[in-house]
């Protein structure tokens, strides 16, 4: 794919993301994305076959961007506590953001019940657990953290974050509520001097 095609595809994904944020997944059509992008139907179908494919690529694009941020921090030599704090701050920002993909993602996965390993939501959750587990392990090794079960703690952190995502979309969540949960997470790991 040439540079112009790569840029066009990226533009479509970024624009489609906005459509999914606004309308969820269930009610988005290829026509909605064509109109938002101001391109021809054929121009869209040149890159994508369905709204499902577009959403999956939007989610992959976001996952790659998140991975890039944390890979950079790890290579800069930041401490495990610094990186975990950054991760939690990013999660907080997403939780409090009104224009996120949570509704679209859950609509898609409720409609396409898939329990296999290829379920992107499951893969992202498991990847989050692995990253947090590694950070906790690194923090234990450096003396920053105390934890008897890094994998269990990492899974618990991811479950708390997912629960807060649902809370944010159903009955609302405040910054104070998010801060309280994130503080509780960090207090459970940090070793007091």
N, C-alpha and C. Protein backbone atom coordinates (compact mmCIF):
# COMPACT_ATOMS: atom_id res chain seq x y z
N UNK A 1 0.85 -1.16 0.00
CA UNK A 1 0.00 0.00 0.00
C UNK A 1 0.91 1.24 0.00
N UNK A 2 0.66 2.15 -0.91
CA UNK A 2 1.44 3.37 -1.01
C UNK A 2 1.14 4.33 0.13
N UNK A 3 1.99 5.36 0.28
CA UNK A 3 1.84 6.32 1.37
C UNK A 3 0.49 7.03 1.32
N UNK A 4 0.04 7.37 0.11
CA UNK A 4 -1.26 8.05 -0.03
C UNK A 4 -2.39 7.14 0.44
N UNK A 5 -2.31 5.86 0.08
CA UNK A 5 -3.33 4.90 0.51
C UNK A 5 -3.31 4.69 2.02
N UNK A 6 -2.11 4.66 2.58
CA UNK A 6 -1.97 4.49 4.04
C UNK A 6 -2.62 5.67 4.75
N UNK A 7 -2.37 6.88 4.26
CA UNK A 7 -2.94 8.08 4.86
C UNK A 7 -4.46 8.10 4.71
N UNK A 8 -4.96 7.68 3.54
CA UNK A 8 -6.42 7.64 3.31
C UNK A 8 -7.09 6.66 4.27
N UNK A 9 -6.47 5.49 4.42
CA UNK A 9 -7.02 4.48 5.32
C UNK A 9 -7.02 5.00 6.77
N UNK A 10 -5.94 5.66 7.16
CA UNK A 10 -5.85 6.23 8.51
C UNK A 10 -6.94 7.29 8.70
N UNK A 11 -7.16 8.12 7.70
CA UNK A 11 -8.20 9.15 7.77
C UNK A 11 -9.57 8.51 7.95
N UNK A 12 -9.84 7.45 7.18
CA UNK A 12 -11.12 6.75 7.29
C UNK A 12 -11.30 6.19 8.70
N UNK A 13 -10.26 5.57 9.25
CA UNK A 13 -10.35 4.99 10.59
C UNK A 13 -10.57 6.07 11.65
N UNK A 14 -9.86 7.18 11.54
CA UNK A 14 -10.02 8.26 12.52
C UNK A 14 -11.42 8.87 12.44
N UNK A 15 -11.93 9.02 11.22
CA UNK A 15 -13.27 9.57 11.04
C UNK A 15 -14.33 8.57 11.52
N UNK A 16 -14.14 7.31 11.17
CA UNK A 16 -15.08 6.27 11.60
C UNK A 16 -15.12 6.17 13.12
N UNK A 17 -13.99 6.36 13.78
CA UNK A 17 -13.93 6.34 15.23
C UNK A 17 -14.93 7.35 15.79
N UNK A 18 -14.94 8.55 15.23
CA UNK A 18 -15.85 9.60 15.68
C UNK A 18 -17.31 9.17 15.49
N UNK A 19 -17.59 8.49 14.37
CA UNK A 19 -18.95 8.02 14.10
C UNK A 19 -19.35 6.96 15.13
N UNK A 20 -18.45 6.04 15.43
CA UNK A 20 -18.74 5.01 16.43
C UNK A 20 -18.93 5.62 17.82
N UNK A 21 -18.14 6.62 18.15
CA UNK A 21 -18.29 7.30 19.44
C UNK A 21 -19.67 7.93 19.53
N UNK A 22 -20.09 8.56 18.45
CA UNK A 22 -21.37 9.28 18.44
C UNK A 22 -22.57 8.34 18.42
N UNK A 23 -22.49 7.25 17.64
CA UNK A 23 -23.67 6.42 17.41
C UNK A 23 -23.60 5.02 18.01
N UNK A 24 -22.47 4.64 18.60
CA UNK A 24 -22.32 3.27 19.04
C UNK A 24 -21.92 2.40 17.87
N UNK A 25 -22.19 1.09 17.97
CA UNK A 25 -21.87 0.19 16.86
C UNK A 25 -23.12 -0.22 16.09
N UNK A 26 -24.18 -0.58 16.82
CA UNK A 26 -25.37 -1.18 16.21
C UNK A 26 -25.98 -0.33 15.10
N UNK A 27 -26.00 0.97 15.28
CA UNK A 27 -26.72 1.80 14.32
C UNK A 27 -25.81 2.42 13.25
N UNK A 28 -24.53 2.13 13.27
CA UNK A 28 -23.62 2.69 12.26
C UNK A 28 -23.68 1.84 10.99
N UNK A 29 -23.82 2.52 9.87
CA UNK A 29 -23.81 1.86 8.57
C UNK A 29 -22.60 2.33 7.77
N UNK A 30 -22.31 1.60 6.72
CA UNK A 30 -21.22 2.01 5.82
C UNK A 30 -21.56 3.39 5.24
N UNK A 31 -22.84 3.65 5.01
CA UNK A 31 -23.26 4.95 4.47
C UNK A 31 -22.90 6.07 5.45
N UNK A 32 -23.08 5.84 6.74
CA UNK A 32 -22.71 6.85 7.74
C UNK A 32 -21.23 7.20 7.64
N UNK A 33 -20.41 6.18 7.45
CA UNK A 33 -18.97 6.41 7.37
C UNK A 33 -18.60 7.09 6.06
N UNK A 34 -19.24 6.69 4.97
CA UNK A 34 -19.03 7.35 3.67
C UNK A 34 -19.34 8.84 3.79
N UNK A 35 -20.47 9.16 4.39
CA UNK A 35 -20.88 10.57 4.53
C UNK A 35 -19.94 11.34 5.45
N UNK A 36 -19.53 10.74 6.54
CA UNK A 36 -18.63 11.42 7.47
C UNK A 36 -17.26 11.68 6.83
N UNK A 37 -16.81 10.73 6.04
CA UNK A 37 -15.50 10.85 5.39
C UNK A 37 -15.56 11.70 4.12
N UNK A 38 -16.79 11.91 3.63
CA UNK A 38 -17.00 12.63 2.37
C UNK A 38 -16.22 11.97 1.22
N UNK A 39 -16.38 10.64 1.14
CA UNK A 39 -15.78 9.88 0.05
C UNK A 39 -16.88 9.06 -0.62
N UNK A 40 -16.53 8.46 -1.73
CA UNK A 40 -17.51 7.63 -2.44
C UNK A 40 -17.63 6.28 -1.73
N UNK A 41 -18.74 5.62 -1.99
CA UNK A 41 -18.97 4.29 -1.43
C UNK A 41 -17.85 3.34 -1.89
N UNK A 42 -17.51 3.43 -3.18
CA UNK A 42 -16.44 2.60 -3.72
C UNK A 42 -15.11 2.90 -3.06
N UNK A 43 -14.89 4.19 -2.72
CA UNK A 43 -13.66 4.57 -2.04
C UNK A 43 -13.54 3.92 -0.68
N UNK A 44 -14.65 3.78 0.02
CA UNK A 44 -14.64 3.12 1.33
C UNK A 44 -14.44 1.62 1.17
N UNK A 45 -15.18 1.02 0.21
CA UNK A 45 -15.09 -0.43 0.03
C UNK A 45 -13.73 -0.86 -0.54
N UNK A 46 -12.97 0.07 -1.06
CA UNK A 46 -11.61 -0.23 -1.51
C UNK A 46 -10.75 -0.66 -0.32
N UNK A 47 -11.07 -0.11 0.85
CA UNK A 47 -10.27 -0.38 2.05
C UNK A 47 -10.95 -1.34 3.03
N UNK A 48 -12.28 -1.29 3.10
CA UNK A 48 -13.00 -2.04 4.13
C UNK A 48 -14.25 -2.70 3.55
N UNK A 49 -14.59 -3.88 4.13
CA UNK A 49 -15.76 -4.63 3.68
C UNK A 49 -17.00 -4.40 4.54
N UNK A 50 -16.79 -3.96 5.80
CA UNK A 50 -17.93 -3.86 6.72
C UNK A 50 -17.62 -2.92 7.87
N UNK A 51 -18.67 -2.53 8.57
CA UNK A 51 -18.48 -1.70 9.77
C UNK A 51 -17.74 -2.51 10.84
N UNK A 52 -17.99 -3.81 10.87
CA UNK A 52 -17.30 -4.69 11.82
C UNK A 52 -15.79 -4.62 11.59
N UNK A 53 -15.37 -4.74 10.35
CA UNK A 53 -13.94 -4.69 10.03
C UNK A 53 -13.35 -3.33 10.41
N UNK A 54 -14.10 -2.27 10.15
CA UNK A 54 -13.62 -0.93 10.48
C UNK A 54 -13.46 -0.79 11.99
N UNK A 55 -14.46 -1.22 12.76
CA UNK A 55 -14.36 -1.11 14.22
C UNK A 55 -13.16 -1.89 14.74
N UNK A 56 -12.95 -3.10 14.22
CA UNK A 56 -11.81 -3.90 14.68
C UNK A 56 -10.49 -3.19 14.39
N UNK A 57 -10.40 -2.55 13.23
CA UNK A 57 -9.17 -1.83 12.89
C UNK A 57 -9.01 -0.55 13.71
N UNK A 58 -10.12 0.10 14.04
CA UNK A 58 -10.07 1.27 14.92
C UNK A 58 -9.53 0.83 16.29
N UNK A 59 -10.03 -0.28 16.81
CA UNK A 59 -9.58 -0.77 18.11
C UNK A 59 -8.11 -1.16 18.06
N UNK A 60 -7.70 -1.78 16.96
CA UNK A 60 -6.29 -2.16 16.81
C UNK A 60 -5.40 -0.91 16.74
N UNK A 61 -5.86 0.11 16.03
CA UNK A 61 -5.11 1.36 15.92
C UNK A 61 -4.93 1.97 17.31
N UNK A 62 -5.99 2.00 18.10
CA UNK A 62 -5.89 2.55 19.46
C UNK A 62 -4.97 1.72 20.34
N UNK A 63 -5.04 0.40 20.22
CA UNK A 63 -4.16 -0.47 21.00
C UNK A 63 -2.70 -0.22 20.64
N UNK A 64 -2.42 -0.05 19.35
CA UNK A 64 -1.05 0.20 18.91
C UNK A 64 -0.53 1.53 19.45
N UNK A 65 -1.39 2.55 19.45
CA UNK A 65 -0.99 3.85 19.98
C UNK A 65 -0.67 3.75 21.47
N UNK A 66 -1.48 3.01 22.21
CA UNK A 66 -1.24 2.82 23.64
C UNK A 66 0.06 2.07 23.86
N UNK A 67 0.27 1.00 23.08
CA UNK A 67 1.51 0.22 23.19
C UNK A 67 2.73 1.10 22.94
N UNK A 68 2.64 1.99 21.97
CA UNK A 68 3.76 2.88 21.65
C UNK A 68 4.13 3.75 22.84
N UNK A 69 3.13 4.28 23.55
CA UNK A 69 3.38 5.14 24.71
C UNK A 69 4.13 4.38 25.78
N UNK A 70 3.70 3.15 26.07
CA UNK A 70 4.32 2.40 27.16
C UNK A 70 5.67 1.82 26.76
N UNK A 71 5.83 1.44 25.51
CA UNK A 71 7.13 0.96 25.03
C UNK A 71 8.17 2.06 25.17
N UNK A 72 7.77 3.29 24.82
CA UNK A 72 8.67 4.44 24.94
C UNK A 72 9.09 4.65 26.40
N UNK A 73 8.14 4.58 27.32
CA UNK A 73 8.44 4.78 28.73
C UNK A 73 9.37 3.69 29.26
N UNK A 74 9.13 2.46 28.85
CA UNK A 74 9.95 1.35 29.32
C UNK A 74 11.39 1.52 28.81
N UNK A 75 11.54 1.91 27.54
CA UNK A 75 12.89 2.08 26.98
C UNK A 75 13.59 3.31 27.56
N UNK A 76 12.84 4.27 28.10
CA UNK A 76 13.45 5.44 28.73
C UNK A 76 13.96 5.11 30.13
N UNK A 77 13.62 3.95 30.62
CA UNK A 77 14.10 3.54 31.92
C UNK A 77 13.30 4.07 33.09
N UNK A 78 12.05 4.47 32.88
CA UNK A 78 11.21 4.93 33.98
C UNK A 78 10.98 3.76 34.95
N UNK A 79 10.68 4.08 36.19
CA UNK A 79 10.45 3.03 37.19
C UNK A 79 9.11 2.35 36.93
N UNK A 80 8.95 1.18 37.49
CA UNK A 80 7.69 0.43 37.35
C UNK A 80 6.53 1.25 37.93
N UNK A 81 6.76 1.92 39.04
CA UNK A 81 5.71 2.74 39.66
C UNK A 81 5.33 3.90 38.74
N UNK A 82 6.33 4.51 38.10
CA UNK A 82 6.06 5.61 37.16
C UNK A 82 5.22 5.13 35.99
N UNK A 83 5.58 3.99 35.45
CA UNK A 83 4.88 3.47 34.27
C UNK A 83 3.46 3.04 34.64
N UNK A 84 3.30 2.38 35.79
CA UNK A 84 1.96 1.98 36.23
C UNK A 84 1.10 3.22 36.49
N UNK A 85 1.70 4.23 37.08
CA UNK A 85 0.97 5.49 37.32
C UNK A 85 0.53 6.11 36.00
N UNK A 86 1.42 6.12 35.01
CA UNK A 86 1.07 6.65 33.69
C UNK A 86 -0.08 5.84 33.08
N UNK A 87 0.00 4.52 33.18
CA UNK A 87 -1.05 3.65 32.66
C UNK A 87 -2.39 3.99 33.31
N UNK A 88 -2.39 4.13 34.62
CA UNK A 88 -3.63 4.42 35.34
C UNK A 88 -4.15 5.82 35.01
N UNK A 89 -3.25 6.78 34.81
CA UNK A 89 -3.67 8.13 34.41
C UNK A 89 -4.33 8.10 33.03
N UNK A 90 -3.79 7.29 32.12
CA UNK A 90 -4.39 7.15 30.78
C UNK A 90 -5.77 6.52 30.88
N UNK A 91 -5.90 5.54 31.76
CA UNK A 91 -7.20 4.90 31.97
C UNK A 91 -8.19 5.90 32.55
N UNK A 92 -7.73 6.72 33.49
CA UNK A 92 -8.59 7.75 34.08
C UNK A 92 -9.07 8.71 33.01
N UNK A 93 -8.17 9.14 32.16
CA UNK A 93 -8.52 10.07 31.10
C UNK A 93 -9.61 9.46 30.21
N UNK A 94 -9.44 8.18 29.87
CA UNK A 94 -10.44 7.50 29.04
C UNK A 94 -11.78 7.37 29.76
N UNK A 95 -11.73 7.06 31.05
CA UNK A 95 -12.96 6.90 31.83
C UNK A 95 -13.76 8.19 31.90
N UNK A 96 -13.07 9.31 32.02
CA UNK A 96 -13.75 10.59 32.18
C UNK A 96 -14.08 11.26 30.85
N UNK A 97 -13.56 10.70 29.79
CA UNK A 97 -13.77 11.26 28.45
C UNK A 97 -15.16 10.88 27.94
N UNK A 98 -15.88 11.85 27.45
CA UNK A 98 -17.22 11.57 26.93
C UNK A 98 -17.17 10.93 25.54
N UNK A 99 -16.10 11.18 24.82
CA UNK A 99 -16.02 10.69 23.44
C UNK A 99 -15.11 9.46 23.36
N UNK A 100 -15.53 8.38 24.02
CA UNK A 100 -14.77 7.14 23.91
C UNK A 100 -15.61 6.06 23.25
N UNK A 101 -14.98 4.95 22.98
CA UNK A 101 -15.60 3.87 22.21
C UNK A 101 -16.29 2.80 23.06
N UNK A 102 -16.40 3.01 24.34
CA UNK A 102 -16.92 1.97 25.23
C UNK A 102 -18.27 1.43 24.78
N UNK A 103 -19.22 2.29 24.48
CA UNK A 103 -20.55 1.83 24.08
C UNK A 103 -20.46 1.01 22.80
N UNK A 104 -19.74 1.50 21.80
CA UNK A 104 -19.60 0.78 20.53
C UNK A 104 -18.96 -0.59 20.74
N UNK A 105 -17.93 -0.62 21.56
CA UNK A 105 -17.22 -1.88 21.81
C UNK A 105 -18.15 -2.89 22.48
N UNK A 106 -18.85 -2.48 23.52
CA UNK A 106 -19.74 -3.42 24.20
C UNK A 106 -20.93 -3.82 23.32
N UNK A 107 -21.46 -2.90 22.55
CA UNK A 107 -22.53 -3.26 21.61
C UNK A 107 -22.05 -4.33 20.64
N UNK A 108 -20.86 -4.12 20.10
CA UNK A 108 -20.32 -5.10 19.15
C UNK A 108 -20.15 -6.47 19.83
N UNK A 109 -19.52 -6.49 20.98
CA UNK A 109 -19.24 -7.78 21.60
C UNK A 109 -20.47 -8.46 22.19
N UNK A 110 -21.49 -7.70 22.57
CA UNK A 110 -22.74 -8.33 22.99
C UNK A 110 -23.45 -8.95 21.78
N UNK A 111 -23.33 -8.32 20.63
CA UNK A 111 -23.97 -8.83 19.41
C UNK A 111 -23.19 -10.01 18.82
N UNK A 112 -21.91 -10.06 19.04
CA UNK A 112 -21.04 -11.10 18.48
C UNK A 112 -20.40 -11.88 19.61
N UNK A 113 -21.22 -12.55 20.36
CA UNK A 113 -20.72 -13.29 21.51
C UNK A 113 -19.68 -14.32 21.05
N UNK A 114 -18.47 -14.06 21.45
CA UNK A 114 -17.37 -14.93 21.07
C UNK A 114 -16.51 -15.17 22.30
N UNK A 115 -16.39 -16.41 22.69
CA UNK A 115 -15.59 -16.72 23.87
C UNK A 115 -14.23 -17.29 23.48
N UNK A 116 -13.95 -17.37 22.19
CA UNK A 116 -12.68 -17.94 21.77
C UNK A 116 -11.53 -16.95 21.96
N UNK A 117 -10.32 -17.43 21.74
CA UNK A 117 -9.11 -16.62 21.94
C UNK A 117 -9.00 -15.49 20.93
N UNK A 118 -9.76 -15.52 19.84
CA UNK A 118 -9.69 -14.47 18.83
C UNK A 118 -10.56 -13.27 19.16
N UNK A 119 -11.25 -13.30 20.27
CA UNK A 119 -12.08 -12.18 20.69
C UNK A 119 -11.15 -11.02 21.06
N UNK A 120 -11.24 -9.92 20.29
CA UNK A 120 -10.32 -8.81 20.50
C UNK A 120 -10.44 -8.21 21.89
N UNK A 121 -11.64 -8.12 22.41
CA UNK A 121 -11.83 -7.57 23.75
C UNK A 121 -11.09 -8.43 24.78
N UNK A 122 -11.21 -9.72 24.65
CA UNK A 122 -10.51 -10.66 25.55
C UNK A 122 -9.01 -10.52 25.38
N UNK A 123 -8.55 -10.43 24.13
CA UNK A 123 -7.11 -10.29 23.88
C UNK A 123 -6.57 -9.00 24.49
N UNK A 124 -7.31 -7.91 24.35
CA UNK A 124 -6.87 -6.64 24.93
C UNK A 124 -6.85 -6.71 26.45
N UNK A 125 -7.86 -7.33 27.02
CA UNK A 125 -7.91 -7.50 28.48
C UNK A 125 -6.71 -8.32 28.95
N UNK A 126 -6.49 -9.45 28.29
CA UNK A 126 -5.37 -10.33 28.67
C UNK A 126 -4.02 -9.64 28.48
N UNK A 127 -3.90 -8.86 27.42
CA UNK A 127 -2.65 -8.12 27.18
C UNK A 127 -2.44 -7.09 28.30
N UNK A 128 -3.51 -6.43 28.72
CA UNK A 128 -3.42 -5.49 29.84
C UNK A 128 -2.97 -6.18 31.11
N UNK A 129 -3.52 -7.36 31.37
CA UNK A 129 -3.12 -8.13 32.55
C UNK A 129 -1.63 -8.46 32.48
N UNK A 130 -1.17 -8.91 31.30
CA UNK A 130 0.25 -9.28 31.15
C UNK A 130 1.17 -8.07 31.38
N UNK A 131 0.80 -6.93 30.82
CA UNK A 131 1.63 -5.73 30.98
C UNK A 131 1.68 -5.31 32.46
N UNK A 132 0.52 -5.27 33.11
CA UNK A 132 0.49 -4.88 34.52
C UNK A 132 1.24 -5.89 35.37
N UNK A 133 1.08 -7.18 35.07
CA UNK A 133 1.80 -8.22 35.81
C UNK A 133 3.31 -8.01 35.70
N UNK A 134 3.79 -7.70 34.48
CA UNK A 134 5.22 -7.44 34.30
C UNK A 134 5.67 -6.20 35.08
N UNK A 135 4.85 -5.16 35.06
CA UNK A 135 5.19 -3.95 35.80
C UNK A 135 5.25 -4.24 37.30
N UNK A 136 4.29 -5.00 37.79
CA UNK A 136 4.29 -5.35 39.21
C UNK A 136 5.53 -6.18 39.53
N UNK A 137 5.83 -7.14 38.65
CA UNK A 137 7.04 -7.96 38.85
C UNK A 137 8.30 -7.12 38.87
N UNK A 138 8.40 -6.16 37.96
CA UNK A 138 9.57 -5.27 37.92
C UNK A 138 9.62 -4.42 39.18
N UNK A 139 8.44 -3.97 39.63
CA UNK A 139 8.38 -3.17 40.86
C UNK A 139 8.77 -3.97 42.09
N UNK A 140 8.42 -5.24 42.10
CA UNK A 140 8.82 -6.12 43.22
C UNK A 140 10.33 -6.30 43.20
N UNK A 141 10.87 -6.55 42.01
CA UNK A 141 12.32 -6.76 41.87
C UNK A 141 13.12 -5.52 42.28
N UNK A 142 12.58 -4.33 42.01
CA UNK A 142 13.30 -3.09 42.35
C UNK A 142 13.01 -2.61 43.77
N UNK A 143 12.09 -3.31 44.47
CA UNK A 143 11.77 -2.92 45.83
C UNK A 143 10.71 -1.83 45.93
N UNK A 144 10.07 -1.48 44.80
CA UNK A 144 9.03 -0.44 44.82
C UNK A 144 7.69 -1.00 45.30
N UNK A 145 7.41 -2.25 44.92
CA UNK A 145 6.11 -2.86 45.18
C UNK A 145 6.26 -4.09 46.06
N UNK A 146 5.17 -4.39 46.76
CA UNK A 146 5.03 -5.66 47.45
C UNK A 146 3.74 -6.29 46.95
N UNK A 147 3.85 -7.53 46.49
CA UNK A 147 2.66 -8.25 46.02
C UNK A 147 2.98 -9.73 46.01
N UNK A 148 2.14 -10.53 46.63
CA UNK A 148 2.35 -11.97 46.65
C UNK A 148 1.85 -12.66 45.40
N UNK A 149 0.92 -12.04 44.68
CA UNK A 149 0.32 -12.65 43.49
C UNK A 149 0.21 -11.59 42.38
N UNK A 150 1.32 -11.30 41.66
CA UNK A 150 1.29 -10.27 40.62
C UNK A 150 0.23 -10.50 39.53
N UNK A 151 0.06 -11.75 39.12
CA UNK A 151 -0.92 -12.04 38.08
C UNK A 151 -2.34 -11.78 38.59
N UNK A 152 -2.64 -12.22 39.79
CA UNK A 152 -3.96 -11.99 40.38
C UNK A 152 -4.22 -10.51 40.60
N UNK A 153 -3.21 -9.77 41.07
CA UNK A 153 -3.36 -8.33 41.27
C UNK A 153 -3.59 -7.63 39.94
N UNK A 154 -2.86 -8.05 38.91
CA UNK A 154 -3.01 -7.44 37.59
C UNK A 154 -4.41 -7.68 37.04
N UNK A 155 -4.90 -8.90 37.18
CA UNK A 155 -6.26 -9.20 36.71
C UNK A 155 -7.28 -8.37 37.49
N UNK A 156 -7.08 -8.26 38.80
CA UNK A 156 -7.99 -7.47 39.62
C UNK A 156 -8.02 -6.01 39.17
N UNK A 157 -6.86 -5.44 38.85
CA UNK A 157 -6.79 -4.05 38.37
C UNK A 157 -7.57 -3.91 37.08
N UNK A 158 -7.41 -4.86 36.17
CA UNK A 158 -8.14 -4.79 34.89
C UNK A 158 -9.65 -4.92 35.10
N UNK A 159 -10.07 -5.78 36.04
CA UNK A 159 -11.50 -5.92 36.32
C UNK A 159 -12.06 -4.62 36.92
N UNK A 160 -11.30 -3.98 37.79
CA UNK A 160 -11.74 -2.71 38.37
C UNK A 160 -11.90 -1.67 37.25
N UNK A 161 -10.93 -1.60 36.35
CA UNK A 161 -10.99 -0.63 35.25
C UNK A 161 -12.19 -0.90 34.33
N UNK A 162 -12.43 -2.17 34.01
CA UNK A 162 -13.58 -2.51 33.15
C UNK A 162 -14.89 -2.17 33.85
N UNK A 163 -14.96 -2.43 35.14
CA UNK A 163 -16.16 -2.08 35.90
C UNK A 163 -16.41 -0.58 35.89
N UNK A 164 -15.34 0.19 36.02
CA UNK A 164 -15.49 1.65 36.00
C UNK A 164 -15.91 2.13 34.61
N UNK A 165 -15.47 1.43 33.55
CA UNK A 165 -15.91 1.81 32.19
C UNK A 165 -17.43 1.65 32.07
N UNK A 166 -17.93 0.55 32.60
CA UNK A 166 -19.38 0.32 32.55
C UNK A 166 -20.11 1.35 33.41
N UNK A 167 -19.58 1.61 34.61
CA UNK A 167 -20.18 2.64 35.47
C UNK A 167 -20.24 3.98 34.75
N UNK A 168 -19.15 4.35 34.10
CA UNK A 168 -19.08 5.65 33.42
C UNK A 168 -20.16 5.78 32.36
N UNK A 169 -20.52 4.67 31.71
CA UNK A 169 -21.51 4.71 30.63
C UNK A 169 -22.94 4.49 31.11
N UNK A 170 -23.11 3.96 32.31
CA UNK A 170 -24.47 3.67 32.76
C UNK A 170 -24.98 4.74 33.73
N UNK A 171 -24.39 4.84 34.90
CA UNK A 171 -24.90 5.84 35.84
C UNK A 171 -23.92 6.95 36.14
N UNK A 172 -22.81 6.97 35.43
CA UNK A 172 -21.86 8.07 35.54
C UNK A 172 -20.81 7.84 36.60
N UNK A 173 -19.69 8.46 36.38
CA UNK A 173 -18.57 8.33 37.30
C UNK A 173 -17.90 9.69 37.41
N UNK A 174 -17.45 10.02 38.59
CA UNK A 174 -16.80 11.31 38.79
C UNK A 174 -15.29 11.11 38.90
N UNK A 175 -14.58 12.21 38.75
CA UNK A 175 -13.12 12.16 38.89
C UNK A 175 -12.74 11.69 40.29
N UNK A 176 -13.51 12.14 41.28
CA UNK A 176 -13.25 11.74 42.67
C UNK A 176 -13.40 10.22 42.84
N UNK A 177 -14.42 9.65 42.21
CA UNK A 177 -14.63 8.20 42.29
C UNK A 177 -13.48 7.44 41.63
N UNK A 178 -13.04 7.91 40.47
CA UNK A 178 -11.93 7.26 39.76
C UNK A 178 -10.66 7.38 40.60
N UNK A 179 -10.38 8.58 41.10
CA UNK A 179 -9.18 8.80 41.91
C UNK A 179 -9.15 7.87 43.13
N UNK A 180 -10.28 7.69 43.76
CA UNK A 180 -10.35 6.82 44.95
C UNK A 180 -9.96 5.39 44.59
N UNK A 181 -10.46 4.89 43.48
CA UNK A 181 -10.13 3.52 43.07
C UNK A 181 -8.66 3.38 42.67
N UNK A 182 -8.15 4.37 41.94
CA UNK A 182 -6.75 4.31 41.50
C UNK A 182 -5.80 4.43 42.69
N UNK A 183 -6.17 5.26 43.66
CA UNK A 183 -5.36 5.39 44.88
C UNK A 183 -5.36 4.07 45.64
N UNK A 184 -6.51 3.43 45.71
CA UNK A 184 -6.61 2.14 46.39
C UNK A 184 -5.70 1.10 45.72
N UNK A 185 -5.69 1.11 44.38
CA UNK A 185 -4.83 0.18 43.63
C UNK A 185 -3.37 0.43 43.99
N UNK A 186 -2.93 1.68 43.91
CA UNK A 186 -1.52 1.99 44.16
C UNK A 186 -1.14 1.73 45.62
N UNK A 187 -2.04 2.05 46.56
CA UNK A 187 -1.73 1.81 47.98
C UNK A 187 -1.57 0.33 48.27
N UNK A 188 -2.24 -0.51 47.48
CA UNK A 188 -2.12 -1.94 47.66
C UNK A 188 -0.78 -2.51 47.19
N UNK A 189 -0.03 -1.72 46.44
CA UNK A 189 1.24 -2.19 45.88
C UNK A 189 2.47 -1.49 46.45
N UNK A 190 2.36 -0.20 46.71
CA UNK A 190 3.53 0.60 47.09
C UNK A 190 4.02 0.22 48.48
N UNK A 191 5.32 0.09 48.60
CA UNK A 191 5.94 -0.18 49.89
C UNK A 191 6.24 1.16 50.55
N UNK A 192 5.75 1.33 51.78
CA UNK A 192 6.05 2.55 52.53
C UNK A 192 7.45 2.49 53.06
N UNK A 193 8.14 3.60 52.95
CA UNK A 193 9.52 3.67 53.49
C UNK A 193 9.53 4.00 54.95
